[in-house]
Protein backbone atom coordinates (compact mmCIF):
# COMPACT_ATOMS: atom_id res chain seq x y z
CA UNK A 1 76.17 124.22 65.53
CA UNK A 2 76.23 120.49 65.35
CA UNK A 3 79.81 120.44 65.81
CA UNK A 4 79.91 122.42 68.69
CA UNK A 5 77.70 119.53 70.26
CA UNK A 6 80.62 117.09 69.41
CA UNK A 7 83.43 118.93 71.21
CA UNK A 8 84.86 117.97 74.57
CA UNK A 9 84.22 121.34 75.88
CA UNK A 10 81.34 121.23 78.11
CA UNK A 11 80.55 125.03 77.25
CA UNK A 12 80.59 124.45 73.73
CA UNK A 13 78.74 121.25 73.86
CA UNK A 14 76.01 123.46 75.47
CA UNK A 15 76.21 126.04 73.25
CA UNK A 16 75.82 123.94 70.62
CA UNK A 17 72.65 122.17 72.26
CA UNK A 18 71.27 125.28 72.94
CA UNK A 19 71.58 126.51 68.99
CA UNK A 20 69.64 122.99 68.23
CA UNK A 21 66.61 124.35 69.99
CA UNK A 22 66.44 126.39 66.80
CA UNK A 23 67.34 123.90 64.37
CA UNK A 24 65.04 121.22 64.01
CA UNK A 25 65.59 118.04 61.76
CA UNK A 26 66.63 114.61 61.85
CA UNK A 27 70.45 115.28 62.78
CA UNK A 28 69.83 117.47 65.31
CA UNK A 29 67.63 115.23 67.01
CA UNK A 30 70.18 112.30 67.25
CA UNK A 31 72.37 114.64 68.53
CA UNK A 32 70.44 116.26 71.25
CA UNK A 33 69.37 112.50 72.18
CA UNK A 34 72.50 111.74 73.08
CA UNK A 35 72.37 114.21 75.79
CA UNK A 36 69.22 113.64 77.22
CA UNK A 37 70.48 111.11 80.04
CA UNK A 38 73.98 112.65 80.41
CA UNK A 39 75.31 113.61 84.07
CA UNK A 40 75.70 116.96 83.39
CA UNK A 41 72.08 118.70 84.28
CA UNK A 42 72.68 121.90 82.45
CA UNK A 43 73.20 119.50 79.11
CA UNK A 44 70.40 117.45 79.92
CA UNK A 45 67.87 120.55 80.15
CA UNK A 46 69.69 121.67 76.71
CA UNK A 47 68.67 118.54 75.16
CA UNK A 48 65.43 118.50 76.63
CA UNK A 49 64.92 121.83 75.06
CA UNK A 50 66.31 121.58 71.56
CA UNK A 51 64.11 117.90 71.86
CA UNK A 52 61.12 119.47 72.42
CA UNK A 53 60.77 121.58 69.74
CA UNK A 54 61.83 119.41 67.36
CA UNK A 55 59.18 117.45 65.31
CA UNK A 56 61.76 115.18 63.86
CA UNK A 57 62.36 113.96 67.77
CA UNK A 58 59.06 112.24 68.14
CA UNK A 59 59.64 108.72 66.92
CA UNK A 60 62.99 108.18 68.49
CA UNK A 61 61.49 109.48 71.69
CA UNK A 62 58.29 107.20 71.73
CA UNK A 63 60.59 104.45 70.52
CA UNK A 64 62.88 105.05 73.79
CA UNK A 65 59.92 105.03 75.90
CA UNK A 66 58.99 101.45 74.60
CA UNK A 67 62.13 100.18 74.75
CA UNK A 68 63.43 101.43 77.86
CA UNK A 69 64.51 98.98 80.83
CA UNK A 70 64.91 101.91 83.26
CA UNK A 71 61.77 103.31 84.35
CA UNK A 72 63.27 107.02 85.10
CA UNK A 73 64.76 107.33 81.61
CA UNK A 74 61.54 106.41 79.89
CA UNK A 75 60.12 109.16 81.99
CA UNK A 76 62.21 111.31 80.71
CA UNK A 77 61.39 110.80 77.39
CA UNK A 78 57.83 110.96 78.22
CA UNK A 79 58.41 114.31 79.71
CA UNK A 80 60.05 115.65 76.66
CA UNK A 81 57.24 114.39 74.60
CA UNK A 82 54.45 116.46 76.40
CA UNK A 83 56.06 119.46 74.58
CA UNK A 84 54.89 117.55 71.67
CA UNK A 85 51.41 117.08 72.92
CA UNK A 86 49.66 119.95 70.52
CA UNK A 87 51.40 118.89 67.52
CA UNK A 88 50.17 114.64 68.36
CA UNK A 89 46.69 115.61 68.91
CA UNK A 90 45.79 118.79 67.83
CA UNK A 91 44.75 119.82 71.67
CA UNK A 92 46.59 122.39 73.40
CA UNK A 93 47.60 121.30 76.80
């Protein structure tokens, strides 16, 4: 599935990103993160879904918020982190 994300074809990329939501891990987090600010809204949404359920995405997302110079990009990363709130705090929000 990760190979699909690197394809040129948009639909294959989308399929790969959606599949990544079911394959958490460091490599899938890195690939999905690259699409977090993509011009294509469907690819962005699929990246958000893939990152929201991936515990390995926590560190890169937090780093992104701290280092991002554009407020909109930091806000997107922060939004993804809300999907991890229960994992971080142990509380359900």
